[in-house]
Amino acid sequence: MKKVENHHTPLQELHGRCLFVSDAHFRTPQDAPSAQREEWLIHLIRDAGPFQHLFLLGDIFDFWFEYRDVVPKGYVRLFAFLKDLNAQGVQIHYFIGNHDMWVENYFEELFGAKVYTDPQLLSINGRRCFVGHGDGLGGKQRRYMLVKRIFRFRPNQVLYSMLHPRTAFAVARFCSHQSRESHDESMLHFQDEREYQVMFARDFLLSADIDFFIFAHRHVPVRYDLTPNSILFNVGDWLTHFTYLTFAPEDTEPILHQDFTSKL
């Protein structure tokens, strides 16, 4: 699997219409509403076309773990749709989030996804873009980063794989639920200069010129001016806001689209 490990790799140049979606957390809160959101996502991708690049910015699934011969059940129609999309020439870029950090090679094999473990500096339609899920960036998030390192430590993944899938997935669903319950009211609103992503972007701009930072993770759709020449976008989510981002060669900047469900 050709995972891209960090943003210090040579700058990729991408051209064409791009669609960004994030944080669907499929399989939460229940299977039936989740299945409806899958249908809506397929509907969005079909209606947004034609485009050349589809960016899935992490946490598309509330939990993902690949055993050698077992993956989480479901998503048959979504995966078939993505496979057809790739066959039509669309490049799918999958950025691992904090809920699906255990993606291995299944997505690459199934629908040709290019999998990224970390944020990437990309040239998109001639503009310098820093793209990623957006978790663990900026500020002093020592506790979060420690937990993230524990989960991404390969021997720990091997140990977890020794659990029966039914047990492993049940534990993961419980932890995911507890994580959401721990978020206080302030996390539901964009905190401007107190946002970790904003802190990170401002630090990054001290050493590099970036036109657009494109993140997810926070579930809050926002367009935020950093400088006259740099903008931070958060795509929002496909769980409560149903927002998405598009960026075409003719656009002066990415466009954040609000509540897709209002158009149904």
Protein backbone atom coordinates (compact mmCIF):
# COMPACT_ATOMS: atom_id res chain seq x y z
CA MET A 1 0.00 0.00 0.00
CA LYS A 2 1.35 3.40 -0.96
CA LYS A 3 0.54 5.46 2.11
CA VAL A 4 1.85 9.00 2.18
CA GLU A 5 3.47 9.41 5.56
CA ASN A 6 3.94 13.17 5.94
CA HIS A 7 3.73 16.56 4.29
CA HIS A 8 7.46 16.67 3.52
CA THR A 9 7.11 14.44 0.46
CA PRO A 10 7.44 16.17 -2.96
CA LEU A 11 4.53 18.46 -3.73
CA GLN A 12 1.76 16.68 -5.63
CA GLU A 13 0.11 18.68 -8.38
CA LEU A 14 -3.59 17.99 -8.82
CA HIS A 15 -5.83 19.56 -11.44
CA GLY A 16 -9.56 19.48 -12.05
CA ARG A 17 -12.78 19.74 -10.08
CA CYS A 18 -12.47 18.50 -6.51
CA LEU A 19 -15.07 17.46 -3.94
CA PHE A 20 -14.30 17.30 -0.21
CA VAL A 21 -16.45 15.41 2.32
CA SER A 22 -15.70 14.43 5.91
CA ASP A 23 -16.89 13.03 9.22
CA ALA A 24 -19.83 10.90 8.15
CA HIS A 25 -19.28 8.51 11.09
CA PHE A 26 -21.30 5.82 9.36
CA ARG A 27 -22.92 3.31 11.73
CA THR A 28 -23.76 5.99 14.26
CA PRO A 29 -26.16 6.69 15.84
CA GLN A 30 -28.11 3.68 14.45
CA ASP A 31 -27.86 1.56 11.33
CA ALA A 32 -31.06 2.87 9.70
CA PRO A 33 -30.23 6.61 9.86
CA SER A 34 -26.66 5.76 8.90
CA ALA A 35 -27.88 3.92 5.80
CA GLN A 36 -29.94 6.97 4.85
CA ARG A 37 -26.88 9.18 5.15
CA GLU A 38 -24.97 6.76 2.92
CA GLU A 39 -27.68 7.17 0.28
CA TRP A 40 -27.48 10.95 0.61
CA LEU A 41 -23.69 10.86 0.20
CA ILE A 42 -23.99 8.79 -2.98
CA HIS A 43 -26.62 11.26 -4.16
CA LEU A 44 -24.29 14.20 -3.46
CA ILE A 45 -21.31 12.65 -5.23
CA ARG A 46 -23.45 11.78 -8.25
CA ASP A 47 -25.01 15.26 -8.41
CA ALA A 48 -21.70 17.10 -7.86
CA GLY A 49 -20.06 15.51 -10.89
CA PRO A 50 -18.26 15.46 -13.11
CA PHE A 51 -15.10 15.90 -11.07
CA GLN A 52 -11.60 14.48 -11.10
CA HIS A 53 -10.76 14.18 -7.39
CA LEU A 54 -12.81 13.04 -4.41
CA PHE A 55 -11.32 13.83 -1.00
CA LEU A 56 -12.65 11.81 1.94
CA LEU A 57 -11.14 13.70 4.87
CA GLY A 58 -11.39 11.06 7.57
CA ASP A 59 -13.90 9.62 10.03
CA ILE A 60 -16.11 8.52 7.17
CA PHE A 61 -16.74 5.48 9.37
CA ASP A 62 -17.32 5.72 13.10
CA PHE A 63 -14.93 2.80 13.45
CA TRP A 64 -12.79 0.89 10.99
CA PHE A 65 -10.48 -2.03 11.62
CA GLU A 66 -9.15 -4.50 9.07
CA TYR A 67 -8.41 -8.04 10.06
CA ARG A 68 -6.59 -10.17 7.51
CA ASP A 69 -9.86 -11.74 6.34
CA VAL A 70 -12.54 -9.58 8.01
CA VAL A 71 -13.66 -5.96 7.69
CA PRO A 72 -16.71 -4.21 9.23
CA LYS A 73 -19.90 -5.34 7.54
CA GLY A 74 -22.09 -3.11 5.42
CA TYR A 75 -21.37 -0.21 3.05
CA VAL A 76 -21.85 -2.48 0.03
CA ARG A 77 -23.61 0.10 -2.11
CA LEU A 78 -21.22 2.90 -1.11
CA PHE A 79 -18.16 0.79 -1.89
CA ALA A 80 -19.61 -0.35 -5.23
CA PHE A 81 -20.34 3.26 -6.11
CA LEU A 82 -16.79 4.36 -5.22
CA LYS A 83 -15.37 1.46 -7.24
CA ASP A 84 -17.38 2.57 -10.30
CA LEU A 85 -16.33 6.16 -9.70
CA ASN A 86 -12.66 5.18 -9.71
CA ALA A 87 -13.18 3.11 -12.85
CA GLN A 88 -14.49 6.28 -14.52
CA GLY A 89 -11.18 8.02 -13.79
CA VAL A 90 -11.88 9.77 -10.48
CA GLN A 91 -8.97 9.68 -8.05
CA ILE A 92 -10.13 9.05 -4.49
CA HIS A 93 -7.97 10.51 -1.72
CA TYR A 94 -8.64 9.01 1.71
CA PHE A 95 -7.21 10.86 4.72
CA ILE A 96 -7.19 8.78 7.87
CA GLY A 97 -9.02 10.34 10.82
CA ASN A 98 -9.03 9.54 14.51
CA HIS A 99 -11.95 7.08 14.19
CA ASP A 100 -10.60 5.22 11.16
CA MET A 101 -6.85 5.34 11.77
CA TRP A 102 -6.59 1.57 11.33
CA VAL A 103 -7.22 1.64 7.59
CA GLU A 104 -4.80 -0.71 5.85
CA ASN A 105 -4.93 -1.72 2.17
CA TYR A 106 -8.64 -2.57 1.72
CA PHE A 107 -9.66 0.80 0.27
CA GLU A 108 -6.76 0.84 -2.14
CA GLU A 109 -7.58 -2.64 -3.38
CA LEU A 110 -11.35 -2.11 -3.52
CA PHE A 111 -11.70 1.32 -5.10
CA GLY A 112 -8.20 2.56 -5.84
CA ALA A 113 -8.00 5.02 -2.96
CA LYS A 114 -4.78 6.86 -2.26
CA VAL A 115 -4.44 6.64 1.52
CA TYR A 116 -2.76 9.36 3.61
CA THR A 117 -1.80 8.89 7.23
CA ASP A 118 -0.93 12.56 7.78
CA PRO A 119 -1.80 16.02 6.40
CA GLN A 120 -0.39 16.83 2.98
CA LEU A 121 0.85 19.94 1.21
CA LEU A 122 -0.68 19.79 -2.27
CA SER A 123 -0.85 22.01 -5.31
CA ILE A 124 -4.52 21.98 -6.30
CA ASN A 125 -5.42 23.91 -9.44
CA GLY A 126 -2.23 25.91 -9.03
CA ARG A 127 -2.90 26.91 -5.41
CA ARG A 128 -0.90 25.73 -2.42
CA CYS A 129 -3.24 23.78 -0.14
CA PHE A 130 -2.55 22.09 3.18
CA VAL A 131 -5.06 19.27 3.50
CA GLY A 132 -5.78 16.80 6.29
CA HIS A 133 -8.28 15.46 8.78
CA GLY A 134 -7.10 18.11 11.23
CA ASP A 135 -6.88 16.26 14.53
CA GLY A 136 -3.93 16.80 16.84
CA LEU A 137 -2.76 19.99 15.14
CA GLY A 138 -1.74 23.12 17.02
CA GLY A 139 -1.53 23.93 20.72
CA LYS A 140 -0.35 21.59 23.45
CA GLN A 141 -2.58 18.54 23.03
CA ARG A 142 -0.27 16.20 24.93
CA ARG A 143 -2.97 13.88 26.24
CA TYR A 144 -4.63 13.53 22.84
CA MET A 145 -1.34 12.94 21.05
CA LEU A 146 -0.31 10.31 23.61
CA VAL A 147 -3.55 8.41 23.05
CA LYS A 148 -3.13 8.73 19.29
CA ARG A 149 0.41 7.36 19.43
CA ILE A 150 -0.79 4.43 21.54
CA PHE A 151 -3.48 3.55 19.00
CA ARG A 152 -1.15 3.94 16.03
CA PHE A 153 1.63 1.88 17.62
CA ARG A 154 1.81 -1.20 15.40
CA PRO A 155 2.30 -3.80 18.17
CA ASN A 156 -0.87 -2.49 19.86
CA GLN A 157 -2.78 -2.95 16.62
CA VAL A 158 -1.53 -6.53 16.39
CA LEU A 159 -2.67 -7.20 19.96
CA TYR A 160 -6.09 -5.68 19.25
CA SER A 161 -6.44 -7.90 16.18
CA MET A 162 -6.29 -10.93 18.49
CA LEU A 163 -9.71 -10.01 19.85
CA HIS A 164 -12.71 -11.62 18.20
CA PRO A 165 -14.23 -9.09 15.74
CA ARG A 166 -17.53 -8.98 17.66
CA THR A 167 -15.67 -8.04 20.85
CA ALA A 168 -13.29 -5.63 19.13
CA PHE A 169 -16.07 -3.74 17.35
CA ALA A 170 -18.21 -3.57 20.51
CA VAL A 171 -15.30 -2.06 22.45
CA ALA A 172 -14.67 0.44 19.67
CA ARG A 173 -18.34 1.51 19.51
CA PHE A 174 -18.38 2.05 23.28
CA CYS A 175 -15.20 4.15 23.18
CA SER A 176 -16.51 6.19 20.25
CA HIS A 177 -19.75 6.90 22.10
CA GLN A 178 -17.85 7.94 25.23
CA SER A 179 -15.67 10.26 23.16
CA ARG A 180 -18.68 12.09 21.73
CA GLU A 181 -20.33 12.34 25.14
CA SER A 182 -17.21 14.00 26.56
CA HIS A 183 -17.46 17.00 24.22
CA ASP A 184 -18.80 20.05 26.01
CA GLU A 185 -21.06 22.75 24.56
CA SER A 186 -18.15 24.99 23.57
CA MET A 187 -16.94 22.34 21.11
CA LEU A 188 -20.10 22.83 19.04
CA HIS A 189 -18.96 26.30 17.97
CA PHE A 190 -15.89 27.53 16.16
CA GLN A 191 -13.55 29.19 18.65
CA ASP A 192 -11.73 31.54 16.23
CA GLU A 193 -8.16 32.20 17.42
CA ARG A 194 -8.53 29.63 20.20
CA GLU A 195 -8.99 26.84 17.69
CA TYR A 196 -6.06 24.43 17.56
CA GLN A 197 -6.30 24.30 13.77
CA VAL A 198 -6.03 28.10 13.58
CA MET A 199 -3.03 28.05 15.93
CA PHE A 200 -1.39 25.44 13.74
CA ALA A 201 -2.12 27.35 10.53
CA ARG A 202 -0.68 30.60 11.90
CA ASP A 203 2.50 28.82 12.99
CA PHE A 204 2.79 27.08 9.63
CA LEU A 205 2.44 30.39 7.77
CA LEU A 206 5.58 31.65 9.50
CA SER A 207 7.67 29.29 7.37
CA ALA A 208 5.55 28.63 4.27
CA ASP A 209 3.05 30.38 2.02
CA ILE A 210 -0.26 28.51 1.97
CA ASP A 211 -3.30 29.68 0.07
CA PHE A 212 -5.82 27.36 1.70
CA PHE A 213 -5.87 25.11 4.74
CA ILE A 214 -8.60 22.47 4.32
CA PHE A 215 -9.44 20.47 7.44
CA ALA A 216 -12.23 18.42 9.01
CA HIS A 217 -12.53 16.75 12.45
CA ARG A 218 -14.23 19.68 14.23
CA HIS A 219 -17.70 19.04 12.70
CA VAL A 220 -18.13 22.81 12.39
CA PRO A 221 -18.34 24.14 8.80
CA VAL A 222 -16.39 27.39 8.54
CA ARG A 223 -14.46 29.69 6.24
CA TYR A 224 -11.95 31.68 8.30
CA ASP A 225 -9.61 34.40 7.01
CA LEU A 226 -6.09 34.00 8.39
CA THR A 227 -4.41 36.70 6.30
CA PRO A 228 -5.41 38.59 3.14
CA ASN A 229 -3.83 35.73 1.18
CA SER A 230 -4.62 32.67 3.28
CA ILE A 231 -7.93 31.09 4.29
CA LEU A 232 -8.75 28.18 6.60
CA PHE A 233 -11.71 25.96 5.74
CA ASN A 234 -13.32 23.30 7.89
CA VAL A 235 -15.54 21.05 5.80
CA GLY A 236 -17.96 20.40 8.67
CA ASP A 237 -19.53 16.94 8.66
CA TRP A 238 -21.93 14.50 7.04
CA LEU A 239 -23.54 13.68 10.38
CA THR A 240 -25.47 16.81 11.42
CA HIS A 241 -24.55 19.66 9.04
CA PHE A 242 -24.31 17.78 5.71
CA THR A 243 -21.80 20.28 4.38
CA TYR A 244 -19.13 19.79 1.72
CA LEU A 245 -16.47 21.71 -0.17
CA THR A 246 -15.80 22.04 -3.89
CA PHE A 247 -12.83 23.53 -5.71
CA ALA A 248 -12.72 23.86 -9.49
CA PRO A 249 -10.03 25.38 -11.74
CA GLU A 250 -12.24 28.40 -12.43
CA ASP A 251 -12.83 29.12 -8.72
CA THR A 252 -10.79 31.82 -6.99
CA GLU A 253 -11.09 29.79 -3.75
CA PRO A 254 -12.81 26.61 -2.51
CA ILE A 255 -16.56 26.91 -2.00
CA LEU A 256 -18.19 25.68 1.21
CA HIS A 257 -21.69 24.36 0.54
CA GLN A 258 -24.28 24.27 3.32
CA ASP A 259 -26.84 21.57 4.27
CA PHE A 260 -27.14 19.26 1.26
CA THR A 261 -30.34 17.72 2.68
CA SER A 262 -32.21 21.01 2.17
CA LYS A 263 -31.88 20.39 -1.59
CA LEU A 264 -33.51 16.94 -1.50
